[in-house]
Amino acid sequence: MSAERPAKDGTFQRLIEDIYFDRDKDRGTQGTLLWFVEEVGELVRAIRRGERDNLEEEFGDVYAWLATLSSLHGLDLEAIGRKKYGAGCPRCQATPCACAHPQKPE
């Protein structure tokens, strides 16, 4: 696990690092992963129950914990997303996706 701060200034990931990085680093990847999974579970519950008022909070929590996990691994989440999806669909490179069969992105 890298303990470097990878995010560029002005990004959401950098904001989360500025607020929580030392605490997250002390908790470590395994502890942080458990928090992330718990938040994903809360998001799933809000979606399934149609709790529209709660969705913003739960999406925000999941996004923050995902950014934290990326930081703990020394990765820039924005750069990763752009690298994989910046040219369109990873399979067909089209935007929107023109794959013959709808599938989960790789």
PDB file of N, CA and C in Angstrom:
ATOM      1  N   MET A   1       0.839  -1.181   0.000  1.00  0.00           N
ATOM      2  CA  MET A   1       0.000   0.000   0.000  1.00  0.00           C
ATOM      3  C   MET A   1       0.875   1.232   0.000  1.00  0.00           C
ATOM      4  N   SER A   2       0.582   2.161  -0.875  1.00  0.00           N
ATOM      5  CA  SER A   2       1.305   3.413  -0.933  1.00  0.00           C
ATOM      6  C   SER A   2       0.629   4.407  -0.016  1.00  0.00           C
ATOM      7  N   ALA A   3       1.407   5.212   0.660  1.00  0.00           N
ATOM      8  CA  ALA A   3       0.849   6.217   1.542  1.00  0.00           C
ATOM      9  C   ALA A   3       1.075   7.612   0.967  1.00  0.00           C
ATOM     10  N   GLU A   4       1.221   7.688  -0.334  1.00  0.00           N
ATOM     11  CA  GLU A   4       1.415   8.964  -0.991  1.00  0.00           C
ATOM     12  C   GLU A   4       0.070   9.585  -1.307  1.00  0.00           C
ATOM     13  N   ARG A   5       0.077  10.887  -1.483  1.00  0.00           N
ATOM     14  CA  ARG A   5      -1.139  11.586  -1.864  1.00  0.00           C
ATOM     15  C   ARG A   5      -1.111  11.810  -3.367  1.00  0.00           C
ATOM     16  N   PRO A   6      -1.846  11.002  -4.135  1.00  0.00           N
ATOM     17  CA  PRO A   6      -1.735  11.028  -5.583  1.00  0.00           C
ATOM     18  C   PRO A   6      -2.567  12.091  -6.289  1.00  0.00           C
ATOM     19  N   ALA A   7      -3.632  12.542  -5.676  1.00  0.00           N
ATOM     20  CA  ALA A   7      -4.588  13.378  -6.393  1.00  0.00           C
ATOM     21  C   ALA A   7      -4.017  14.759  -6.706  1.00  0.00           C
ATOM     22  N   LYS A   8      -4.492  15.301  -7.786  1.00  0.00           N
ATOM     23  CA  LYS A   8      -4.094  16.647  -8.173  1.00  0.00           C
ATOM     24  C   LYS A   8      -4.904  17.657  -7.369  1.00  0.00           C
ATOM     25  N   ASP A   9      -4.315  18.829  -7.145  1.00  0.00           N
ATOM     26  CA  ASP A   9      -5.019  19.878  -6.416  1.00  0.00           C
ATOM     27  C   ASP A   9      -6.327  20.231  -7.104  1.00  0.00           C
ATOM     28  N   GLY A  10      -7.329  20.570  -6.310  1.00  0.00           N
ATOM     29  CA  GLY A  10      -8.607  20.996  -6.840  1.00  0.00           C
ATOM     30  C   GLY A  10      -9.562  19.877  -7.178  1.00  0.00           C
ATOM     31  N   THR A  11      -9.182  18.628  -6.951  1.00  0.00           N
ATOM     32  CA  THR A  11     -10.082  17.522  -7.242  1.00  0.00           C
ATOM     33  C   THR A  11     -10.829  17.112  -5.983  1.00  0.00           C
ATOM     34  N   PHE A  12     -11.909  16.391  -6.183  1.00  0.00           N
ATOM     35  CA  PHE A  12     -12.660  15.860  -5.048  1.00  0.00           C
ATOM     36  C   PHE A  12     -11.773  14.932  -4.222  1.00  0.00           C
ATOM     37  N   GLN A  13     -10.979  14.112  -4.885  1.00  0.00           N
ATOM     38  CA  GLN A  13     -10.097  13.196  -4.173  1.00  0.00           C
ATOM     39  C   GLN A  13      -9.132  13.969  -3.276  1.00  0.00           C
ATOM     40  N   ARG A  14      -8.584  15.071  -3.766  1.00  0.00           N
ATOM     41  CA  ARG A  14      -7.668  15.882  -2.950  1.00  0.00           C
ATOM     42  C   ARG A  14      -8.409  16.456  -1.746  1.00  0.00           C
ATOM     43  N   LEU A  15      -9.637  16.893  -1.940  1.00  0.00           N
ATOM     44  CA  LEU A  15     -10.437  17.401  -0.828  1.00  0.00           C
ATOM     45  C   LEU A  15     -10.589  16.340   0.258  1.00  0.00           C
ATOM     46  N   ILE A  16     -10.941  15.129  -0.144  1.00  0.00           N
ATOM     47  CA  ILE A  16     -11.102  14.042   0.821  1.00  0.00           C
ATOM     48  C   ILE A  16      -9.773  13.724   1.495  1.00  0.00           C
ATOM     49  N   GLU A  17      -8.678  13.741   0.729  1.00  0.00           N
ATOM     50  CA  GLU A  17      -7.357  13.520   1.324  1.00  0.00           C
ATOM     51  C   GLU A  17      -7.045  14.586   2.368  1.00  0.00           C
ATOM     52  N   ASP A  18      -7.319  15.837   2.030  1.00  0.00           N
ATOM     53  CA  ASP A  18      -7.031  16.929   2.969  1.00  0.00           C
ATOM     54  C   ASP A  18      -7.807  16.767   4.264  1.00  0.00           C
ATOM     55  N   ILE A  19      -9.020  16.281   4.170  1.00  0.00           N
ATOM     56  CA  ILE A  19      -9.864  16.117   5.357  1.00  0.00           C
ATOM     57  C   ILE A  19      -9.505  14.857   6.145  1.00  0.00           C
ATOM     58  N   TYR A  20      -9.287  13.722   5.462  1.00  0.00           N
ATOM     59  CA  TYR A  20      -9.243  12.428   6.149  1.00  0.00           C
ATOM     60  C   TYR A  20      -7.989  11.579   5.951  1.00  0.00           C
ATOM     61  N   PHE A  21      -7.018  11.983   5.122  1.00  0.00           N
ATOM     62  CA  PHE A  21      -5.945  11.071   4.727  1.00  0.00           C
ATOM     63  C   PHE A  21      -5.206  10.454   5.911  1.00  0.00           C
ATOM     64  N   ASP A  22      -4.821  11.256   6.895  1.00  0.00           N
ATOM     65  CA  ASP A  22      -4.059  10.702   8.022  1.00  0.00           C
ATOM     66  C   ASP A  22      -4.860   9.643   8.771  1.00  0.00           C
ATOM     67  N   ARG A  23      -6.121   9.914   8.998  1.00  0.00           N
ATOM     68  CA  ARG A  23      -6.991   8.947   9.677  1.00  0.00           C
ATOM     69  C   ARG A  23      -7.163   7.689   8.829  1.00  0.00           C
ATOM     70  N   ASP A  24      -7.372   7.879   7.534  1.00  0.00           N
ATOM     71  CA  ASP A  24      -7.554   6.736   6.631  1.00  0.00           C
ATOM     72  C   ASP A  24      -6.284   5.898   6.554  1.00  0.00           C
ATOM     73  N   LYS A  25      -5.137   6.553   6.493  1.00  0.00           N
ATOM     74  CA  LYS A  25      -3.848   5.850   6.447  1.00  0.00           C
ATOM     75  C   LYS A  25      -3.664   5.005   7.704  1.00  0.00           C
ATOM     76  N   ASP A  26      -4.009   5.574   8.862  1.00  0.00           N
ATOM     77  CA  ASP A  26      -3.886   4.823  10.124  1.00  0.00           C
ATOM     78  C   ASP A  26      -4.846   3.637  10.167  1.00  0.00           C
ATOM     79  N   ARG A  27      -6.049   3.792   9.592  1.00  0.00           N
ATOM     80  CA  ARG A  27      -7.039   2.712   9.571  1.00  0.00           C
ATOM     81  C   ARG A  27      -6.588   1.604   8.625  1.00  0.00           C
ATOM     82  N   GLY A  28      -5.952   1.987   7.536  1.00  0.00           N
ATOM     83  CA  GLY A  28      -5.452   1.016   6.571  1.00  0.00           C
ATOM     84  C   GLY A  28      -6.494   0.606   5.548  1.00  0.00           C
ATOM     85  N   THR A  29      -6.023  -0.142   4.588  1.00  0.00           N
ATOM     86  CA  THR A  29      -6.883  -0.559   3.480  1.00  0.00           C
ATOM     87  C   THR A  29      -8.023  -1.459   3.940  1.00  0.00           C
ATOM     88  N   GLN A  30      -7.745  -2.445   4.768  1.00  0.00           N
ATOM     89  CA  GLN A  30      -8.794  -3.390   5.162  1.00  0.00           C
ATOM     90  C   GLN A  30      -9.922  -2.704   5.917  1.00  0.00           C
ATOM     91  N   GLY A  31      -9.577  -1.862   6.872  1.00  0.00           N
ATOM     92  CA  GLY A  31     -10.607  -1.144   7.619  1.00  0.00           C
ATOM     93  C   GLY A  31     -11.395  -0.194   6.739  1.00  0.00           C
ATOM     94  N   THR A  32     -10.683   0.480   5.850  1.00  0.00           N
ATOM     95  CA  THR A  32     -11.332   1.413   4.942  1.00  0.00           C
ATOM     96  C   THR A  32     -12.230   0.673   3.961  1.00  0.00           C
ATOM     97  N   LEU A  33     -11.793  -0.479   3.499  1.00  0.00           N
ATOM     98  CA  LEU A  33     -12.603  -1.289   2.597  1.00  0.00           C
ATOM     99  C   LEU A  33     -13.923  -1.697   3.256  1.00  0.00           C
ATOM    100  N   LEU A  34     -13.888  -2.029   4.528  1.00  0.00           N
ATOM    101  CA  LEU A  34     -15.119  -2.382   5.238  1.00  0.00           C
ATOM    102  C   LEU A  34     -16.094  -1.205   5.283  1.00  0.00           C
ATOM    103  N   TRP A  35     -15.575   0.004   5.533  1.00  0.00           N
ATOM    104  CA  TRP A  35     -16.425   1.189   5.535  1.00  0.00           C
ATOM    105  C   TRP A  35     -17.041   1.403   4.153  1.00  0.00           C
ATOM    106  N   PHE A  36     -16.212   1.247   3.107  1.00  0.00           N
ATOM    107  CA  PHE A  36     -16.690   1.419   1.735  1.00  0.00           C
ATOM    108  C   PHE A  36     -17.838   0.446   1.437  1.00  0.00           C
ATOM    109  N   VAL A  37     -17.646  -0.815   1.767  1.00  0.00           N
ATOM    110  CA  VAL A  37     -18.666  -1.835   1.501  1.00  0.00           C
ATOM    111  C   VAL A  37     -19.951  -1.520   2.275  1.00  0.00           C
ATOM    112  N   GLU A  38     -19.819  -1.058   3.507  1.00  0.00           N
ATOM    113  CA  GLU A  38     -20.993  -0.682   4.286  1.00  0.00           C
ATOM    114  C   GLU A  38     -21.753   0.453   3.592  1.00  0.00           C
ATOM    115  N   GLU A  39     -21.022   1.439   3.092  1.00  0.00           N
ATOM    116  CA  GLU A  39     -21.674   2.557   2.403  1.00  0.00           C
ATOM    117  C   GLU A  39     -22.330   2.115   1.103  1.00  0.00           C
ATOM    118  N   VAL A  40     -21.697   1.201   0.377  1.00  0.00           N
ATOM    119  CA  VAL A  40     -22.326   0.663  -0.837  1.00  0.00           C
ATOM    120  C   VAL A  40     -23.634  -0.030  -0.458  1.00  0.00           C
ATOM    121  N   GLY A  41     -23.632  -0.777   0.627  1.00  0.00           N
ATOM    122  CA  GLY A  41     -24.854  -1.426   1.098  1.00  0.00           C
ATOM    123  C   GLY A  41     -25.951  -0.420   1.412  1.00  0.00           C
ATOM    124  N   GLU A  42     -25.587   0.693   2.033  1.00  0.00           N
ATOM    125  CA  GLU A  42     -26.571   1.730   2.338  1.00  0.00           C
ATOM    126  C   GLU A  42     -27.119   2.363   1.059  1.00  0.00           C
ATOM    127  N   LEU A  43     -26.265   2.527   0.065  1.00  0.00           N
ATOM    128  CA  LEU A  43     -26.712   3.062  -1.226  1.00  0.00           C
ATOM    129  C   LEU A  43     -27.682   2.093  -1.904  1.00  0.00           C
ATOM    130  N   VAL A  44     -27.350   0.824  -1.888  1.00  0.00           N
ATOM    131  CA  VAL A  44     -28.219  -0.190  -2.482  1.00  0.00           C
ATOM    132  C   VAL A  44     -29.585  -0.163  -1.799  1.00  0.00           C
ATOM    133  N   ARG A  45     -29.589  -0.095  -0.483  1.00  0.00           N
ATOM    134  CA  ARG A  45     -30.853  -0.044   0.260  1.00  0.00           C
ATOM    135  C   ARG A  45     -31.684   1.178  -0.146  1.00  0.00           C
ATOM    136  N   ALA A  46     -31.036   2.333  -0.245  1.00  0.00           N
ATOM    137  CA  ALA A  46     -31.756   3.561  -0.607  1.00  0.00           C
ATOM    138  C   ALA A  46     -32.337   3.459  -2.013  1.00  0.00           C
ATOM    139  N   ILE A  47     -31.593   2.858  -2.929  1.00  0.00           N
ATOM    140  CA  ILE A  47     -32.095   2.685  -4.296  1.00  0.00           C
ATOM    141  C   ILE A  47     -33.274   1.724  -4.312  1.00  0.00           C
ATOM    142  N   ARG A  48     -33.125   0.592  -3.656  1.00  0.00           N
ATOM    143  CA  ARG A  48     -34.196  -0.419  -3.651  1.00  0.00           C
ATOM    144  C   ARG A  48     -35.462   0.077  -2.988  1.00  0.00           C
ATOM    145  N   ARG A  49     -35.314   0.894  -1.957  1.00  0.00           N
ATOM    146  CA  ARG A  49     -36.481   1.414  -1.240  1.00  0.00           C
ATOM    147  C   ARG A  49     -37.056   2.673  -1.887  1.00  0.00           C
ATOM    148  N   GLY A  50     -36.386   3.170  -2.900  1.00  0.00           N
ATOM    149  CA  GLY A  50     -36.848   4.383  -3.552  1.00  0.00           C
ATOM    150  C   GLY A  50     -36.733   5.615  -2.675  1.00  0.00           C
ATOM    151  N   GLU A  51     -35.733   5.631  -1.806  1.00  0.00           N
ATOM    152  CA  GLU A  51     -35.535   6.742  -0.868  1.00  0.00           C
ATOM    153  C   GLU A  51     -34.791   7.893  -1.555  1.00  0.00           C
ATOM    154  N   ARG A  52     -35.483   8.549  -2.425  1.00  0.00           N
ATOM    155  CA  ARG A  52     -34.881   9.617  -3.254  1.00  0.00           C
ATOM    156  C   ARG A  52     -34.153  10.663  -2.408  1.00  0.00           C
ATOM    157  N   ASP A  53     -34.703  11.051  -1.284  1.00  0.00           N
ATOM    158  CA  ASP A  53     -34.088  12.073  -0.438  1.00  0.00           C
ATOM    159  C   ASP A  53     -32.750  11.614   0.140  1.00  0.00           C
ATOM    160  N   ASN A  54     -32.553  10.330   0.259  1.00  0.00           N
ATOM    161  CA  ASN A  54     -31.333   9.778   0.856  1.00  0.00           C
ATOM    162  C   ASN A  54     -30.251   9.470  -0.185  1.00  0.00           C
ATOM    163  N   LEU A  55     -30.592   9.451  -1.458  1.00  0.00           N
ATOM    164  CA  LEU A  55     -29.644   9.054  -2.498  1.00  0.00           C
ATOM    165  C   LEU A  55     -28.426   9.961  -2.576  1.00  0.00           C
ATOM    166  N   GLU A  56     -28.609  11.271  -2.505  1.00  0.00           N
ATOM    167  CA  GLU A  56     -27.466  12.183  -2.589  1.00  0.00           C
ATOM    168  C   GLU A  56     -26.447  11.886  -1.507  1.00  0.00           C
ATOM    169  N   GLU A  57     -26.918  11.720  -0.291  1.00  0.00           N
ATOM    170  CA  GLU A  57     -26.007  11.435   0.824  1.00  0.00           C
ATOM    171  C   GLU A  57     -25.264  10.126   0.604  1.00  0.00           C
ATOM    172  N   GLU A  58     -25.973   9.094   0.196  1.00  0.00           N
ATOM    173  CA  GLU A  58     -25.338   7.787   0.025  1.00  0.00           C
ATOM    174  C   GLU A  58     -24.385   7.766  -1.167  1.00  0.00           C
ATOM    175  N   PHE A  59     -24.755   8.400  -2.279  1.00  0.00           N
ATOM    176  CA  PHE A  59     -23.815   8.497  -3.398  1.00  0.00           C
ATOM    177  C   PHE A  59     -22.569   9.261  -2.983  1.00  0.00           C
ATOM    178  N   GLY A  60     -22.756  10.341  -2.226  1.00  0.00           N
ATOM    179  CA  GLY A  60     -21.615  11.116  -1.744  1.00  0.00           C
ATOM    180  C   GLY A  60     -20.692  10.294  -0.863  1.00  0.00           C
ATOM    181  N   ASP A  61     -21.273   9.505   0.030  1.00  0.00           N
ATOM    182  CA  ASP A  61     -20.462   8.659   0.914  1.00  0.00           C
ATOM    183  C   ASP A  61     -19.675   7.616   0.123  1.00  0.00           C
ATOM    184  N   VAL A  62     -20.334   6.960  -0.827  1.00  0.00           N
ATOM    185  CA  VAL A  62     -19.652   5.942  -1.629  1.00  0.00           C
ATOM    186  C   VAL A  62     -18.514   6.569  -2.427  1.00  0.00           C
ATOM    187  N   TYR A  63     -18.768   7.724  -3.014  1.00  0.00           N
ATOM    188  CA  TYR A  63     -17.747   8.426  -3.793  1.00  0.00           C
ATOM    189  C   TYR A  63     -16.544   8.791  -2.907  1.00  0.00           C
ATOM    190  N   ALA A  64     -16.808   9.283  -1.715  1.00  0.00           N
ATOM    191  CA  ALA A  64     -15.725   9.663  -0.805  1.00  0.00           C
ATOM    192  C   ALA A  64     -14.892   8.453  -0.384  1.00  0.00           C
ATOM    193  N   TRP A  65     -15.545   7.349  -0.048  1.00  0.00           N
ATOM    194  CA  TRP A  65     -14.794   6.158   0.370  1.00  0.00           C
ATOM    195  C   TRP A  65     -14.040   5.542  -0.803  1.00  0.00           C
ATOM    196  N   LEU A  66     -14.578   5.612  -2.015  1.00  0.00           N
ATOM    197  CA  LEU A  66     -13.858   5.130  -3.190  1.00  0.00           C
ATOM    198  C   LEU A  66     -12.613   5.986  -3.429  1.00  0.00           C
ATOM    199  N   ALA A  67     -12.754   7.300  -3.277  1.00  0.00           N
ATOM    200  CA  ALA A  67     -11.605   8.197  -3.412  1.00  0.00           C
ATOM    201  C   ALA A  67     -10.551   7.880  -2.360  1.00  0.00           C
ATOM    202  N   THR A  68     -10.985   7.592  -1.151  1.00  0.00           N
ATOM    203  CA  THR A  68     -10.064   7.241  -0.074  1.00  0.00           C
ATOM    204  C   THR A  68      -9.296   5.964  -0.397  1.00  0.00           C
ATOM    205  N   LEU A  69      -9.996   4.943  -0.866  1.00  0.00           N
ATOM    206  CA  LEU A  69      -9.312   3.696  -1.227  1.00  0.00           C
ATOM    207  C   LEU A  69      -8.293   3.922  -2.337  1.00  0.00           C
ATOM    208  N   SER A  70      -8.643   4.733  -3.298  1.00  0.00           N
ATOM    209  CA  SER A  70      -7.720   5.050  -4.375  1.00  0.00           C
ATOM    210  C   SER A  70      -6.480   5.759  -3.829  1.00  0.00           C
ATOM    211  N   SER A  71      -6.678   6.699  -2.931  1.00  0.00           N
ATOM    212  CA  SER A  71      -5.554   7.421  -2.321  1.00  0.00           C
ATOM    213  C   SER A  71      -4.655   6.494  -1.526  1.00  0.00           C
ATOM    214  N   LEU A  72      -5.248   5.585  -0.792  1.00  0.00           N
ATOM    215  CA  LEU A  72      -4.444   4.653   0.003  1.00  0.00           C
ATOM    216  C   LEU A  72      -3.564   3.765  -0.868  1.00  0.00           C
ATOM    217  N   HIS A  73      -3.949   3.603  -2.116  1.00  0.00           N
ATOM    218  CA  HIS A  73      -3.151   2.818  -3.052  1.00  0.00           C
ATOM    219  C   HIS A  73      -2.263   3.690  -3.936  1.00  0.00           C
ATOM    220  N   GLY A  74      -2.239   4.991  -3.647  1.00  0.00           N
ATOM    221  CA  GLY A  74      -1.381   5.902  -4.389  1.00  0.00           C
ATOM    222  C   GLY A  74      -1.848   6.148  -5.812  1.00  0.00           C
ATOM    223  N   LEU A  75      -3.162   6.073  -6.031  1.00  0.00           N
ATOM    224  CA  LEU A  75      -3.719   6.214  -7.378  1.00  0.00           C
ATOM    225  C   LEU A  75      -4.596   7.451  -7.481  1.00  0.00           C
ATOM    226  N   ASP A  76      -4.607   8.056  -8.649  1.00  0.00           N
ATOM    227  CA  ASP A  76      -5.438   9.215  -8.942  1.00  0.00           C
ATOM    228  C   ASP A  76      -6.722   8.711  -9.608  1.00  0.00           C
ATOM    229  N   LEU A  77      -7.818   8.759  -8.888  1.00  0.00           N
ATOM    230  CA  LEU A  77      -9.089   8.209  -9.357  1.00  0.00           C
ATOM    231  C   LEU A  77      -9.546   8.858 -10.657  1.00  0.00           C
ATOM    232  N   GLU A  78      -9.417  10.156 -10.769  1.00  0.00           N
ATOM    233  CA  GLU A  78      -9.810  10.858 -12.001  1.00  0.00           C
ATOM    234  C   GLU A  78      -8.993  10.370 -13.190  1.00  0.00           C
ATOM    235  N   ALA A  79      -7.689  10.236 -13.012  1.00  0.00           N
ATOM    236  CA  ALA A  79      -6.816   9.780 -14.099  1.00  0.00           C
ATOM    237  C   ALA A  79      -7.158   8.351 -14.519  1.00  0.00           C
ATOM    238  N   ILE A  80      -7.477   7.521 -13.557  1.00  0.00           N
ATOM    239  CA  ILE A  80      -7.851   6.132 -13.857  1.00  0.00           C
ATOM    240  C   ILE A  80      -9.118   6.097 -14.703  1.00  0.00           C
ATOM    241  N   GLY A  81     -10.111   6.870 -14.307  1.00  0.00           N
ATOM    242  CA  GLY A  81     -11.367   6.900 -15.053  1.00  0.00           C
ATOM    243  C   GLY A  81     -11.172   7.415 -16.462  1.00  0.00           C
ATOM    244  N   ARG A  82     -10.408   8.467 -16.601  1.00  0.00           N
ATOM    245  CA  ARG A  82     -10.162   9.031 -17.938  1.00  0.00           C
ATOM    246  C   ARG A  82      -9.352   8.082 -18.812  1.00  0.00           C
ATOM    247  N   LYS A  83      -8.386   7.389 -18.214  1.00  0.00           N
ATOM    248  CA  LYS A  83      -7.569   6.444 -18.980  1.00  0.00           C
ATOM    249  C   LYS A  83      -8.438   5.324 -19.547  1.00  0.00           C
ATOM    250  N   LYS A  84      -9.350   4.809 -18.722  1.00  0.00           N
ATOM    251  CA  LYS A  84     -10.164   3.680 -19.157  1.00  0.00           C
ATOM    252  C   LYS A  84     -11.305   4.089 -20.081  1.00  0.00           C
ATOM    253  N   TYR A  85     -11.962   5.225 -19.798  1.00  0.00           N
ATOM    254  CA  TYR A  85     -13.169   5.597 -20.521  1.00  0.00           C
ATOM    255  C   TYR A  85     -13.032   6.865 -21.364  1.00  0.00           C
ATOM    256  N   GLY A  86     -11.870   7.475 -21.380  1.00  0.00           N
ATOM    257  CA  GLY A  86     -11.667   8.730 -22.092  1.00  0.00           C
ATOM    258  C   GLY A  86     -11.875   8.650 -23.587  1.00  0.00           C
ATOM    259  N   ALA A  87     -11.660   7.498 -24.183  1.00  0.00           N
ATOM    260  CA  ALA A  87     -11.842   7.327 -25.628  1.00  0.00           C
ATOM    261  C   ALA A  87     -13.190   6.690 -25.950  1.00  0.00           C
ATOM    262  N   GLY A  88     -14.064   6.611 -24.965  1.00  0.00           N
ATOM    263  CA  GLY A  88     -15.374   5.989 -25.166  1.00  0.00           C
ATOM    264  C   GLY A  88     -15.421   4.611 -24.526  1.00  0.00           C
ATOM    265  N   CYS A  89     -16.300   3.784 -25.015  1.00  0.00           N
ATOM    266  CA  CYS A  89     -16.448   2.421 -24.510  1.00  0.00           C
ATOM    267  C   CYS A  89     -15.111   1.690 -24.625  1.00  0.00           C
ATOM    268  N   PRO A  90     -14.653   1.039 -23.561  1.00  0.00           N
ATOM    269  CA  PRO A  90     -13.385   0.304 -23.633  1.00  0.00           C
ATOM    270  C   PRO A  90     -13.366  -0.812 -24.685  1.00  0.00           C
ATOM    271  N   ARG A  91     -14.535  -1.338 -25.055  1.00  0.00           N
ATOM    272  CA  ARG A  91     -14.590  -2.401 -26.075  1.00  0.00           C
ATOM    273  C   ARG A  91     -14.594  -1.854 -27.495  1.00  0.00           C
ATOM    274  N   CYS A  92     -15.524  -0.936 -27.764  1.00  0.00           N
ATOM    275  CA  CYS A  92     -15.714  -0.481 -29.145  1.00  0.00           C
ATOM    276  C   CYS A  92     -15.179   0.925 -29.392  1.00  0.00           C
ATOM    277  N   GLN A  93     -14.767   1.607 -28.346  1.00  0.00           N
ATOM    278  CA  GLN A  93     -14.244   2.972 -28.385  1.00  0.00           C
ATOM    279  C   GLN A  93     -15.263   3.995 -28.897  1.00  0.00           C
ATOM    280  N   ALA A  94     -16.527   3.649 -28.935  1.00  0.00           N
ATOM    281  CA  ALA A  94     -17.557   4.575 -29.390  1.00  0.00           C
ATOM    282  C   ALA A  94     -18.217   5.276 -28.210  1.00  0.00           C
ATOM    283  N   THR A  95     -18.722   6.487 -28.482  1.00  0.00           N
ATOM    284  CA  THR A  95     -19.517   7.243 -27.527  1.00  0.00           C
ATOM    285  C   THR A  95     -20.742   7.763 -28.250  1.00  0.00           C
ATOM    286  N   PRO A  96     -21.939   7.279 -27.917  1.00  0.00           N
ATOM    287  CA  PRO A  96     -22.215   6.241 -26.936  1.00  0.00           C
ATOM    288  C   PRO A  96     -21.761   4.867 -27.421  1.00  0.00           C
ATOM    289  N   CYS A  97     -21.743   3.942 -26.509  1.00  0.00           N
ATOM    290  CA  CYS A  97     -21.320   2.578 -26.802  1.00  0.00           C
ATOM    291  C   CYS A  97     -22.129   2.001 -27.967  1.00  0.00           C
ATOM    292  N   ALA A  98     -21.420   1.347 -28.889  1.00  0.00           N
ATOM    293  CA  ALA A  98     -22.069   0.744 -30.047  1.00  0.00           C
ATOM    294  C   ALA A  98     -21.899  -0.776 -30.050  1.00  0.00           C
ATOM    295  N   CYS A  99     -21.529  -1.345 -28.905  1.00  0.00           N
ATOM    296  CA  CYS A  99     -21.369  -2.796 -28.826  1.00  0.00           C
ATOM    297  C   CYS A  99     -22.688  -3.474 -29.189  1.00  0.00           C
ATOM    298  N   ALA A 100     -22.579  -4.610 -29.887  1.00  0.00           N
ATOM    299  CA  ALA A 100     -23.767  -5.329 -30.360  1.00  0.00           C
ATOM    300  C   ALA A 100     -24.644  -5.822 -29.217  1.00  0.00           C
ATOM    301  N   HIS A 101     -24.024  -6.276 -28.138  1.00  0.00           N
ATOM    302  CA  HIS A 101     -24.768  -6.815 -27.010  1.00  0.00           C
ATOM    303  C   HIS A 101     -24.452  -6.014 -25.766  1.00  0.00           C
ATOM    304  N   PRO A 102     -25.461  -5.496 -25.083  1.00  0.00           N
ATOM    305  CA  PRO A 102     -25.188  -4.733 -23.863  1.00  0.00           C
ATOM    306  C   PRO A 102     -24.492  -5.618 -22.833  1.00  0.00           C
ATOM    307  N   GLN A 103     -23.356  -5.174 -22.387  1.00  0.00           N
ATOM    308  CA  GLN A 103     -22.594  -5.907 -21.373  1.00  0.00           C
ATOM    309  C   GLN A 103     -22.010  -4.924 -20.391  1.00  0.00           C
ATOM    310  N   LYS A 104     -21.602  -5.447 -19.290  1.00  0.00           N
ATOM    311  CA  LYS A 104     -20.921  -4.644 -18.285  1.00  0.00           C
ATOM    312  C   LYS A 104     -19.595  -4.158 -18.885  1.00  0.00           C
ATOM    313  N   PRO A 105     -19.245  -2.872 -18.715  1.00  0.00           N
ATOM    314  CA  PRO A 105     -17.951  -2.399 -19.207  1.00  0.00           C
ATOM    315  C   PRO A 105     -16.804  -3.174 -18.563  1.00  0.00           C
ATOM    316  N   GLU A 106     -15.752  -3.374 -19.326  1.00  0.00           N
ATOM    317  CA  GLU A 106     -14.587  -4.091 -18.798  1.00  0.00           C
ATOM    318  C   GLU A 106     -13.634  -3.155 -18.121  1.00  0.00           C
TER     319      GLU A 106
END
